[in-house]
Each structure stands twice: as C-alpha cells, then as structure tokens.
Protein backbone atom coordinates (compact mmCIF):
# COMPACT_ATOMS: atom_id res chain seq x y z
CA MET A 1 -0.03 0.05 -0.30
CA ASN A 2 2.81 2.34 0.58
CA ALA A 3 5.38 0.98 -2.08
CA LEU A 4 6.93 3.65 -4.37
CA PHE A 5 8.34 2.85 -7.94
CA TRP A 6 9.86 4.67 -10.92
CA ASP A 7 9.20 8.19 -10.67
CA ASP A 8 7.33 8.47 -7.15
CA TRP A 9 10.71 8.61 -5.50
CA THR A 10 11.03 11.99 -7.52
CA TRP A 11 7.81 12.90 -6.45
CA PHE A 12 7.63 12.55 -2.59
CA ASN A 13 9.90 14.07 0.33
CA HIS A 14 11.09 11.13 2.00
CA GLN A 15 11.23 12.35 5.33
CA THR A 16 8.12 13.87 5.59
CA GLY A 17 5.84 11.73 3.62
CA LYS A 18 4.42 14.78 1.15
CA LEU A 19 4.39 15.58 -2.04
CA LEU A 20 6.57 18.11 -3.45
CA LYS A 21 5.00 20.84 -4.96
CA ALA A 22 7.72 22.17 -6.99
CA ASN A 23 7.74 18.84 -9.31
CA TYR A 24 4.30 19.96 -10.55
CA THR A 25 5.48 23.15 -11.58
CA GLY A 26 6.78 23.00 -16.19
CA SER A 27 5.20 19.09 -16.00
CA GLY A 28 2.44 20.02 -18.30
CA ASN A 29 -0.18 19.65 -16.07
CA ALA A 30 -2.59 21.14 -15.60
CA PRO A 31 -3.21 22.91 -11.66
CA TRP A 32 -5.67 21.16 -10.63
CA ARG A 33 -4.08 18.05 -10.43
CA THR A 34 -1.68 19.64 -7.14
CA TRP A 35 -4.68 20.60 -5.83
CA ILE A 36 -6.42 17.22 -5.98
CA GLU A 37 -3.09 15.50 -4.92
CA ILE A 38 -1.63 17.45 -2.18
CA TYR A 39 -5.07 19.09 -0.71
CA VAL A 40 -7.63 16.14 -1.41
CA PHE A 41 -5.51 13.11 -1.26
CA GLN A 42 -3.62 14.57 1.65
CA SER A 43 -0.36 13.21 -0.32
CA SER A 44 -1.24 9.69 1.14
CA LEU A 45 -0.32 6.71 -0.67
CA PRO A 46 -3.05 4.93 1.16
CA VAL A 47 -5.56 6.98 -0.46
CA PHE A 48 -4.16 7.20 -4.06
CA ARG A 49 -4.64 3.55 -3.92
CA ILE A 50 -7.89 3.01 -2.96
CA VAL A 51 -9.06 6.65 -5.21
CA SER A 52 -7.01 3.93 -8.32
CA LEU A 53 -8.83 1.26 -7.32
CA ILE A 54 -12.25 2.13 -7.45
CA GLY A 55 -11.79 4.96 -9.94
CA TYR A 56 -11.03 2.12 -12.62
CA PHE A 57 -13.41 0.21 -12.03
CA ALA A 58 -15.79 2.81 -11.75
CA VAL A 59 -15.42 3.94 -15.35
CA GLY A 60 -16.27 0.31 -16.15
CA TYR A 61 -20.04 1.06 -14.56
CA PHE A 62 -19.72 4.35 -16.48
CA LEU A 63 -19.15 2.35 -19.80
CA PHE A 64 -21.86 -0.20 -19.46
CA HIS A 65 -24.53 2.47 -19.11
CA ILE A 66 -23.33 4.41 -22.14
CA LEU A 67 -23.11 1.36 -24.54
CA LYS A 68 -26.57 0.69 -23.41
CA ARG A 69 -28.32 4.01 -24.38
CA SER A 70 -27.21 1.96 -27.95
CA LYS A 71 -29.73 -0.73 -29.48
CA LEU A 72 -26.60 -1.70 -31.60
CA PHE A 73 -25.60 -3.74 -28.58
CA ASN A 74 -27.56 -7.42 -26.69
CA ALA A 75 -27.09 -8.03 -23.06
CA HIS A 76 -24.15 -10.75 -23.80
CA GLN A 77 -22.15 -8.03 -25.33
CA LEU A 78 -22.79 -5.38 -22.77
CA VAL A 79 -21.53 -7.12 -20.27
CA ALA A 80 -18.93 -9.14 -22.28
CA ILE A 81 -17.61 -5.73 -23.64
CA THR A 82 -17.47 -4.03 -19.76
CA LEU A 83 -15.73 -7.31 -18.04
CA LEU A 84 -13.03 -6.98 -20.95
CA PHE A 85 -12.89 -3.71 -21.03
CA LEU A 86 -12.38 -3.99 -16.95
CA VAL A 87 -9.31 -6.59 -17.50
CA ILE A 88 -7.26 -6.00 -20.39
CA PRO A 89 -4.07 -5.83 -18.73
CA VAL A 90 -2.62 -2.93 -20.85
CA ASN A 91 -1.73 -0.81 -18.04
CA SER A 92 0.01 -2.00 -15.15
CA ALA A 93 1.76 1.10 -15.41
CA ARG A 94 -0.58 2.39 -13.29
CA ILE A 95 0.97 1.17 -9.74
CA SER A 96 3.11 3.98 -9.99
CA ILE A 97 1.52 7.05 -7.63
CA ALA A 98 3.27 9.06 -10.49
CA ASN A 99 0.91 7.88 -12.97
CA ASN A 100 -2.12 8.13 -11.09
CA LYS A 101 -3.22 10.92 -12.77
CA TYR A 102 -3.69 8.21 -15.63
CA GLY A 103 -6.45 7.25 -13.56
CA VAL A 104 -8.38 10.35 -11.81
CA ASP A 105 -8.52 11.40 -15.64
CA LEU A 106 -10.06 8.22 -17.07
CA PHE A 107 -12.97 8.75 -14.68
CA PHE A 108 -13.40 11.94 -15.50
CA PHE A 109 -13.21 11.60 -18.56
CA PHE A 110 -15.56 8.80 -18.72
CA LEU A 111 -18.09 10.38 -16.16
CA ALA A 112 -18.33 13.68 -18.40
CA TRP A 113 -19.27 10.94 -21.14
CA TYR A 114 -21.63 9.42 -18.85
CA LEU A 115 -23.67 12.71 -18.05
CA TYR A 116 -23.33 13.88 -21.47
CA GLU A 117 -25.27 11.11 -22.65
CA THR A 118 -27.38 9.60 -19.97
CA LYS A 119 -29.00 12.39 -18.39
CA SER A 120 -30.89 15.36 -19.96
CA HIS A 121 -30.53 17.87 -16.75
CA LYS A 122 -28.80 21.13 -17.84
CA LEU A 123 -26.28 21.09 -14.71
CA ALA A 124 -25.54 17.63 -15.67
CA LYS A 125 -24.54 18.65 -19.29
CA VAL A 126 -22.32 21.79 -17.71
CA PHE A 127 -20.57 18.92 -15.12
CA ALA A 128 -20.08 16.67 -18.20
CA PHE A 129 -18.30 19.70 -20.22
CA VAL A 130 -16.39 20.54 -16.59
CA PHE A 131 -15.45 16.78 -16.64
CA PHE A 132 -14.27 16.34 -19.80
CA PHE A 133 -12.12 19.56 -19.41
CA MET A 134 -10.61 18.36 -16.80
CA SER A 135 -9.93 14.76 -18.26
CA TYR A 136 -7.89 16.69 -20.46
CA SER A 137 -4.69 17.06 -18.29
CA THR A 138 -4.04 13.43 -19.39
CA LEU A 139 -2.39 13.30 -22.80
CA PRO A 140 -5.08 10.84 -25.05
CA PHE A 141 -8.25 12.68 -24.11
CA PRO A 142 -8.39 15.63 -26.09
CA THR A 143 -8.60 13.36 -28.94
CA PHE A 144 -10.58 10.41 -27.69
CA THR A 145 -13.42 12.99 -27.24
CA LEU A 146 -13.84 12.48 -30.80
CA LEU A 147 -15.73 8.76 -29.49
CA PRO A 148 -18.19 10.44 -27.57
CA ILE A 149 -18.97 12.86 -30.18
CA LEU A 150 -19.53 10.46 -33.07
CA TYR A 151 -21.41 7.80 -30.63
CA HIS A 152 -23.74 10.80 -29.95
CA VAL A 153 -24.36 11.79 -33.56
CA MET A 154 -24.74 8.08 -34.30
CA LEU A 155 -27.20 7.43 -31.19
CA LYS A 156 -29.34 10.79 -32.85
CA SER A 157 -29.81 7.79 -36.17
CA PRO A 158 -29.30 11.10 -38.97
CA LYS A 159 -31.55 9.63 -41.70
CA ASN A 160 -30.13 12.02 -44.40
CA THR A 161 -27.00 14.08 -44.72
CA ARG A 162 -29.34 17.67 -43.63
CA GLU A 163 -29.36 15.82 -39.89
CA TYR A 164 -25.99 14.58 -39.77
CA ILE A 165 -24.95 18.52 -40.24
CA ARG A 166 -27.42 19.99 -37.83
CA GLU A 167 -26.70 16.91 -35.13
CA PHE A 168 -22.90 17.50 -35.93
CA ALA A 169 -23.39 21.06 -35.42
CA ASN A 170 -25.13 20.31 -31.83
CA THR A 171 -22.01 18.84 -30.61
CA ILE A 172 -19.67 22.01 -31.72
CA PRO A 173 -19.19 23.07 -27.85
CA LEU A 174 -17.27 19.55 -27.16
CA MET A 175 -15.48 20.11 -30.43
CA LEU A 176 -14.01 23.54 -29.24
CA LEU A 177 -13.84 21.87 -25.74
CA PRO A 178 -10.17 20.09 -26.33
CA ILE A 179 -9.01 23.44 -28.56
CA CYS A 180 -9.61 25.60 -25.80
CA TYR A 181 -7.83 23.47 -22.94
CA LEU A 182 -4.58 23.04 -25.49
CA ALA A 183 -4.76 27.00 -26.02
CA LEU A 184 -4.86 27.78 -22.12
CA ARG A 185 -1.90 25.33 -21.67
CA GLN A 186 0.05 26.37 -24.06
CA ILE A 187 -0.53 29.57 -22.12
CA TYR A 188 -0.41 29.45 -18.47
CA TRP A 189 0.91 25.79 -17.45
CA PRO A 190 3.20 25.09 -20.85
CA PRO A 191 5.94 21.86 -20.21
CA MET A 192 9.43 22.55 -19.28
CA GLY A 193 12.95 21.56 -20.25
CA GLY A 194 12.65 17.76 -20.72
CA LEU A 195 9.32 17.49 -20.78
CA VAL A 196 8.92 19.70 -24.14
CA ASP A 197 9.45 16.65 -25.90
CA MET A 198 6.82 14.24 -24.85
CA TYR A 199 4.02 17.37 -25.68
CA THR A 200 5.21 18.28 -29.10
CA PRO A 201 4.25 16.25 -32.38
CA GLN A 202 7.42 14.96 -34.87
CA VAL A 203 6.37 15.06 -38.20
CA SER A 204 7.11 11.32 -38.82
CA GLY A 205 4.81 10.61 -36.01
CA ILE A 206 1.73 12.26 -37.34
CA ALA A 207 2.49 10.71 -40.24
CA ARG A 208 2.72 7.79 -39.49
CA SER A 209 -0.64 8.28 -36.88
CA LEU A 210 -2.65 9.49 -40.23
CA ILE A 211 -1.47 6.34 -41.78
CA PHE A 212 -2.68 4.32 -38.84
CA VAL A 213 -6.13 6.01 -38.59
CA LEU A 214 -7.10 5.75 -42.19
CA ILE A 215 -6.02 2.20 -42.35
CA CYS A 216 -8.01 1.16 -38.95
CA SER A 217 -11.13 3.45 -40.66
CA ILE A 218 -11.52 1.30 -43.80
CA PRO A 219 -13.75 -1.12 -41.94
CA LEU A 220 -15.94 1.69 -41.24
CA ALA A 221 -15.86 2.69 -44.47
CA LEU A 222 -16.52 -0.62 -45.85
CA LEU A 223 -19.58 -0.63 -43.61
CA LEU A 224 -20.65 2.82 -44.75
CA ALA A 225 -20.11 2.05 -48.46
CA SER A 226 -22.16 -1.30 -48.14
CA ALA A 227 -25.82 0.63 -47.27
CA LYS A 228 -24.88 1.91 -51.19
CA PHE A 229 -23.08 -0.52 -52.85
CA ARG A 230 -24.68 -4.19 -52.12
CA GLY A 231 -21.51 -6.15 -53.26
CA ILE A 232 -19.70 -4.62 -50.37
CA VAL A 233 -19.42 -7.19 -47.77
CA LYS A 234 -20.49 -5.77 -44.88
CA PRO A 235 -18.37 -5.82 -41.93
CA ASN A 236 -18.69 -6.44 -38.40
CA LEU A 237 -20.25 -3.31 -36.78
CA LEU A 238 -18.30 -4.10 -33.16
CA VAL A 239 -15.04 -4.94 -35.09
CA ALA A 240 -14.94 -1.71 -37.25
CA ALA A 241 -15.78 0.58 -34.31
CA GLY A 242 -13.30 -1.41 -32.55
CA CYS A 243 -10.75 -0.66 -35.17
CA PHE A 244 -11.48 2.74 -35.30
CA SER A 245 -11.51 3.08 -31.37
CA VAL A 246 -8.19 1.87 -31.39
CA SER A 247 -6.68 4.18 -33.47
CA ILE A 248 -8.28 7.19 -31.80
CA ALA A 249 -6.79 6.09 -28.63
CA ALA A 250 -3.18 5.64 -29.88
CA VAL A 251 -3.01 8.35 -31.92
CA PRO A 252 -1.56 11.05 -29.56
CA TYR A 253 1.54 8.86 -28.60
CA MET A 254 2.27 7.67 -31.91
CA VAL A 255 2.25 11.24 -33.14
CA GLY A 256 4.99 11.79 -29.91
CA GLY A 257 7.32 8.83 -30.94
CA ARG A 258 5.75 5.88 -29.04
CA LEU A 259 4.11 2.95 -29.93
CA VAL A 260 6.08 2.70 -33.35
CA ASP A 261 6.67 -1.19 -33.81
CA ILE A 262 4.38 -4.02 -33.24
CA SER A 263 6.59 -4.83 -30.08
CA ASP A 264 5.57 -1.62 -28.38
CA TRP A 265 2.04 -2.90 -28.60
CA LEU A 266 2.75 -6.38 -27.27
CA ILE A 267 4.47 -6.02 -24.68
CA ALA A 268 2.19 -4.64 -22.16
CA PHE A 269 0.75 -8.60 -22.19
CA VAL A 270 4.37 -10.11 -21.97
CA PRO A 271 5.20 -11.20 -18.21
CA ASN A 272 8.30 -9.43 -17.06
CA PHE A 273 8.91 -7.46 -19.79
CA SER A 274 7.34 -3.97 -19.71
CA ASP A 275 9.31 -1.21 -17.65
CA TRP A 276 6.99 1.63 -17.17
CA ASP A 277 5.64 1.64 -20.95
CA SER A 278 2.35 0.26 -20.56
CA ARG A 279 0.89 3.35 -19.44
CA ASN A 280 1.05 4.48 -23.07
CA GLN A 281 -1.83 1.67 -23.75
CA LEU A 282 -4.45 3.75 -20.82
CA THR A 283 -7.11 4.38 -23.17
CA LEU A 284 -6.68 1.14 -25.98
CA PRO A 285 -8.71 -1.40 -23.88
CA LEU A 286 -12.20 -0.23 -25.59
CA GLY A 287 -11.18 -0.90 -28.79
CA ILE A 288 -9.82 -4.68 -27.92
CA ALA A 289 -12.78 -5.20 -26.32
CA LEU A 290 -14.99 -4.14 -29.20
CA ILE A 291 -12.78 -5.84 -31.34
CA VAL A 292 -12.41 -9.19 -29.11
CA VAL A 293 -16.53 -9.13 -28.22
CA GLY A 294 -17.07 -8.63 -32.36
CA SER A 295 -15.39 -11.72 -33.49
CA MET A 296 -17.39 -13.80 -31.71
CA LYS A 297 -21.15 -14.75 -32.61
CA MET A 298 -23.23 -13.98 -29.50
CA GLU A 299 -26.61 -13.83 -30.30
CA LYS A 300 -27.47 -16.39 -27.67
CA VAL A 301 -30.86 -15.56 -25.74
CA GLU A 302 -29.85 -18.47 -23.00
CA LYS A 303 -28.33 -17.17 -19.39
CA LEU A 304 -25.25 -15.81 -19.63
CA ARG A 305 -22.55 -18.68 -17.67
CA TRP A 306 -18.95 -19.70 -18.22
CA ASN A 307 -19.18 -22.43 -20.57
CA THR A 308 -21.41 -20.24 -22.74
CA TYR A 309 -19.18 -18.73 -24.96
CA PRO A 310 -15.61 -20.60 -24.55
CA VAL A 311 -13.37 -18.67 -26.95
CA LEU A 312 -14.73 -15.33 -24.89
CA THR A 313 -14.08 -17.18 -21.41
CA THR A 314 -10.82 -18.23 -22.36
CA VAL A 315 -10.19 -14.54 -23.52
CA PHE A 316 -11.02 -13.49 -19.91
CA ALA A 317 -9.60 -15.71 -17.92
CA VAL A 318 -6.24 -15.35 -20.05
CA CYS A 319 -6.22 -11.73 -18.70
CA VAL A 320 -7.45 -12.06 -15.26
CA VAL A 321 -3.73 -14.79 -14.95
CA LEU A 322 -1.90 -11.66 -16.72
CA ASN A 323 -3.33 -9.40 -14.30
CA LEU A 324 -2.66 -11.36 -11.32
CA THR A 325 0.92 -12.13 -12.74
CA PHE A 326 1.62 -8.81 -12.60
CA ALA A 327 0.74 -8.35 -9.45
CA GLN A 328 2.37 -11.12 -7.92
CA GLU A 329 5.67 -8.89 -10.00
CA HIS A 330 4.14 -5.68 -8.15
CA PHE A 331 4.20 -7.08 -4.83
CA LEU A 332 7.67 -8.72 -4.97
CA ASP A 333 8.99 -5.27 -6.12
CA SER A 334 7.40 -3.78 -2.90
CA ARG A 335 8.91 -6.15 -0.37
CA LYS A 336 12.56 -5.97 -2.22
CA GLN A 337 11.89 -2.35 -1.36
CA VAL A 338 11.42 -2.16 2.37
CA ALA A 339 14.19 -5.46 2.65
CA VAL A 340 16.51 -3.09 0.72
CA VAL A 341 15.72 0.24 2.79
CA GLU A 342 15.81 -1.92 5.67
CA ALA A 343 19.20 -3.50 5.26
CA MET A 344 20.74 -0.68 4.29
CA ALA A 345 19.85 1.69 7.21
CA SER A 346 21.43 -1.76 9.39
CA ASN A 347 24.36 -1.07 7.20
CA PRO A 348 26.82 1.05 9.09
CA ASP A 349 29.59 0.99 5.60
CA LEU A 350 26.84 3.17 4.11
CA LYS A 351 27.85 6.27 6.28
CA SER A 352 31.41 6.60 5.05
CA VAL A 353 30.25 6.99 1.24
CA ARG A 354 29.45 9.46 -1.05
CA ALA A 355 29.39 8.06 -3.91
CA ILE A 356 28.54 3.98 -4.87
CA TYR A 357 27.74 1.93 -7.61
CA VAL A 358 24.88 -0.79 -7.21
CA ASP A 359 25.13 -4.53 -8.05
CA ASP A 360 21.83 -5.54 -8.11
CA GLN A 361 21.96 -9.13 -8.29
CA ALA A 362 17.85 -9.98 -7.42
CA ILE A 363 16.38 -7.82 -10.41
CA ARG A 364 14.28 -11.29 -10.50
CA PHE A 365 12.27 -9.14 -7.91
CA ASN A 366 11.56 -6.06 -10.29
CA SER A 367 8.37 -5.80 -11.83
CA ARG A 368 7.52 -6.07 -15.29
CA GLY A 369 11.50 -6.39 -15.93
CA ARG A 370 12.18 -3.13 -14.71
CA LEU A 371 15.61 -1.26 -14.78
CA ILE A 372 15.55 0.76 -11.25
CA ARG A 373 17.14 4.03 -11.71
CA SER A 374 19.70 5.48 -10.00
CA TYR A 375 17.90 8.18 -8.12
CA GLU A 376 14.97 5.16 -6.64
CA TRP A 377 18.15 3.91 -5.01
CA GLU A 378 19.13 7.48 -4.09
CA GLY A 379 15.62 7.64 -1.96
CA MET A 380 16.39 4.49 -0.57
CA LEU A 381 18.87 5.32 1.06
CA ASP A 382 17.48 9.03 1.72
CA LYS A 383 14.71 6.91 3.18
CA ALA A 384 17.33 4.33 5.60
CA LEU A 385 19.74 6.93 6.25
CA GLY A 386 17.71 10.59 5.78
CA THR A 387 20.59 11.75 4.15
CA LYS A 388 20.71 12.93 0.42
CA SER A 389 24.58 12.92 0.09
CA ILE A 390 24.85 9.32 -1.69
CA ARG A 391 24.95 9.56 -5.62
CA VAL A 392 24.77 6.30 -7.26
CA SER A 393 25.08 5.14 -10.29
CA TYR A 394 25.00 0.61 -11.58
CA LEU A 395 28.51 -0.86 -12.00
CA GLN A 396 30.46 -0.23 -14.88
CA TYR A 397 33.73 1.07 -16.00
CA PRO A 398 34.41 4.48 -13.90
CA ASN A 399 34.27 7.94 -15.38
CA CYS A 400 36.11 9.86 -13.01
CA LYS A 401 35.49 13.01 -14.82
CA GLU A 402 31.50 12.48 -14.18
CA PHE A 403 31.19 10.10 -11.04
CA LYS A 404 34.08 9.22 -8.73
CA PRO A 405 32.56 5.62 -6.61
CA ASP A 406 34.00 4.91 -3.06
CA ALA A 407 32.39 1.44 -2.60
CA ILE A 408 30.19 -1.06 -4.42
CA VAL A 409 26.81 -2.02 -2.95
CA HIS A 410 26.16 -5.50 -3.36
CA ILE A 411 22.71 -6.99 -3.27
CA SER A 412 20.93 -10.32 -3.54
CA SER A 413 18.94 -12.87 -2.54
CA PRO A 414 18.99 -16.39 -1.69
CA ASN A 415 15.36 -16.64 -2.32
CA GLY A 416 13.26 -17.38 -5.33
CA ARG A 417 10.25 -15.83 -6.54
CA LEU A 418 7.88 -18.58 -5.42
CA GLU A 419 8.91 -18.58 -1.66
CA SER A 420 9.45 -15.29 -1.21
CA THR A 421 5.38 -14.55 -2.32
CA LEU A 422 3.97 -17.59 -0.22
CA ARG A 423 6.23 -16.43 3.10
CA GLY A 424 5.15 -12.55 1.94
CA LYS A 425 8.73 -11.49 2.32
CA VAL A 426 11.77 -10.85 -0.01
CA VAL A 427 14.89 -11.68 2.02
CA ILE A 428 18.03 -8.97 1.25
CA ASP A 429 21.19 -9.91 1.38
CA LEU A 430 23.53 -6.63 1.70
CA SER A 431 27.36 -5.85 1.30
CA VAL A 432 29.26 -2.90 0.87
CA GLU A 433 33.06 -2.95 -0.80
CA LYS A 434 35.01 0.08 -0.68
CA ILE A 435 36.76 0.83 -3.64
CA ASP A 436 39.29 3.65 -4.89
CA PRO A 437 39.19 3.47 -8.72
CA CYS A 438 40.11 7.31 -9.52
CA ASN A 439 43.23 7.55 -6.87
CA ASN A 440 45.59 9.30 -8.74
C-alpha cells in the first residue's frame, strides 16, 4: 500500500512523506492536479491506491450505461465488453503514484461521457463539460473526445446529410473544448525542460498516426459503403468501431514517437518485460474489447454462463491470469524495496560513502522486468539514512570526470520468486565493498 515505484521516488519528500510542490511546476499538468493530489488526497499513499482501485472499476459502470443507450449491443455483448474493458491488462503502470493522474483523468472522462450521454438535465451537461475539460490533463483525452462526439451523433440516427450536419453542429461546443484546453495549457501551464518533447508532435509521428488511422478506418468505410453498394461485404460493426477506437486512442502517443513497432503494442501483455511503457496504452481497452466481442457470435438468448462462450471465457481467463501475474511482480518489487531499505539502514559502512555503484543481483524481483533507476536507489538511501548526500550509479567502468565511486553495494537474495511470494517477504543480503578506482 505504501510502496513507491519509478518516478514516485522523486515526487515525495522521504522524511515527511509529502508530495513536493516543485515537481508540478513545468510538468505540463493542469493546476488542479496539484490541488487534488496534495490537498484532497493529502499526499496519502493509501488514499492514492484506494482512489485508483475504485476509479478504474467505476469507469466500467459508466461504460456499461453509455453503451446501453445503443440498440447495437445485446445484453450479452454489453456484459462481455464491460468485463473485458475492466480486465484487459494493458496498463499495469498505474501502480505508480506518478501515473495516478491517468486513472483520475480516465474516471473524469468517462464520468463526463456518462453525464453527457445519459442525463438530460442542464446542470448534468455543465458538469459533463467540466469533467471533460479536467480529464484533458492526460495526453490522449483531447483526441479521444472524438468517440463521444461520433457516438452521440450515431444515437440520433440521422436519415440524411442535412440531419448529420445538424447533429454535428449540436456537438460543436464539445469539439471546441479540447482546443480551448490545449490553448490554455500552452499559455498558462506549458511543459518545460525535458518534458517538452513528450508534448511536441513529431513530423514522422504525425504521418505514422494518420496512416494508422486511415487503415483502421477501412472497416468503418466499408460498412458505410455497403449501405449503398450491395456488392461490398458488410463488416462487423463492433470490430469496425473497435479498430477505429484503437486508432484514436493511439494517435496522441504515436504523434510523440511512441507505439511505433508491433513490440510496443504487445509488450504490455508479456510478464516481466514491460517496464513502465504500458502507461501509453491507457485508452486502448475499449477498442480491444469491441474487437474481441465483435469477433464472436453472441446471439444466444440463454443465460450467460462461463461455458456459454468458451473462447470469450478463455480470453477473459488469460487476462485475469496476466493481471494476477503482474500483481505478484509488483508485490515482490515492493517487498524487495522494504528489505533493501532495512538492510541499508542497518549497514554502518554506508554512512561513510558519498558515491556508490549498485550491483543488483536480485533483479528477478523487479516488476515487469524494469530497471531500478539511480534516483530510486538514492531515494531508498535517503529513506534509510536520512541523507541526500550519496550518489548512485550502476556498476560500470568508471568515468572519473563525471562520477567517482568509493564503494560498490552488492545486493542479492538467496530465495526465489515463488518462495518469497508464499512467505510474503523478500530476503535481501547487502554488502558494501570499498573501492578507489579514481585515486591518482
């Protein structure tokens, strides 16, 4: 519950346990993120975890009632899409507190969509726009707004071009909302420093994303064309909508140079092999769920049971197993950190060093095959010793102009992953070897 991962170590003061306000400046995040995380959540790690857990499942409730508005889905499909949407394992990076805003903004977006589509009261519409606007603090949601717009128009069932124009005209305020947010961000809370690249479109990324959207739009185009030309085979509507949803979800990341290769898409499903890249797939589950369910014939009227649709049950089971596997990895990672901090605190040799190499021989406990960054080791030392004076680098041939190590910290463990999981504890052996490779 209190574990820190990845960039979390730079966001917290390890002596007070409070979030550092300075980290929000120039991050490109909207100002209300600071207010929510520091003043509403009170920098409390348990609150972050509970909010994340509740928020991600609440999104499933919103999605179910949004899709329920359409006659395109039968009861079985609604249940299947919602369940798959909840368990598709493409965002295990949400375990990091630094990524908590992804879950909060996902909640805001689908709450806004739910209010916009299911409530007719004017106050509900106002709140819908407010929550849409607040969700745009996370990268994909300004473009992902295209889905609520198209879905809203589709529900009106326009009969001709004039009706289509009228319905799209009614959504103009929602079309303008992302543009207003992006303009305000550039004026009042623009990203600075190394974060500028994350928000700056690349020419090759724009070209790649446009090609990807065009390809993924082919099923929808064929679906529309089949209404006029009988010779065209009518594609599955859910599959077509899912492909389009996946493309819109991926565009913001592809524009920035992410999700380039097929491995970037599949790595989130591979145990022990993702690091924190799965955060780039935050909005993909909806499209994937539509494609999977659309690929199956779910027209049976009998009660939905686990053996009614064996392929769907298998897919669902695989997703659950992967989620449990990733949860085990994060659990072992957190237990390793606790053991390392305890070992550091009890080792007197660390009190006399100023720069160290880390020889981590217990990487089997690192979640998703991640590399523990140098600032994470420094954060653990700070937490263990109450000092920020020790610099850390990984074991390598020394470059004495930039880094002069005076010790190597060897970290190992005698136990395996299964034993450590069953015991709920990772045993760490830590030793300090004094060195002086830069002595002239």
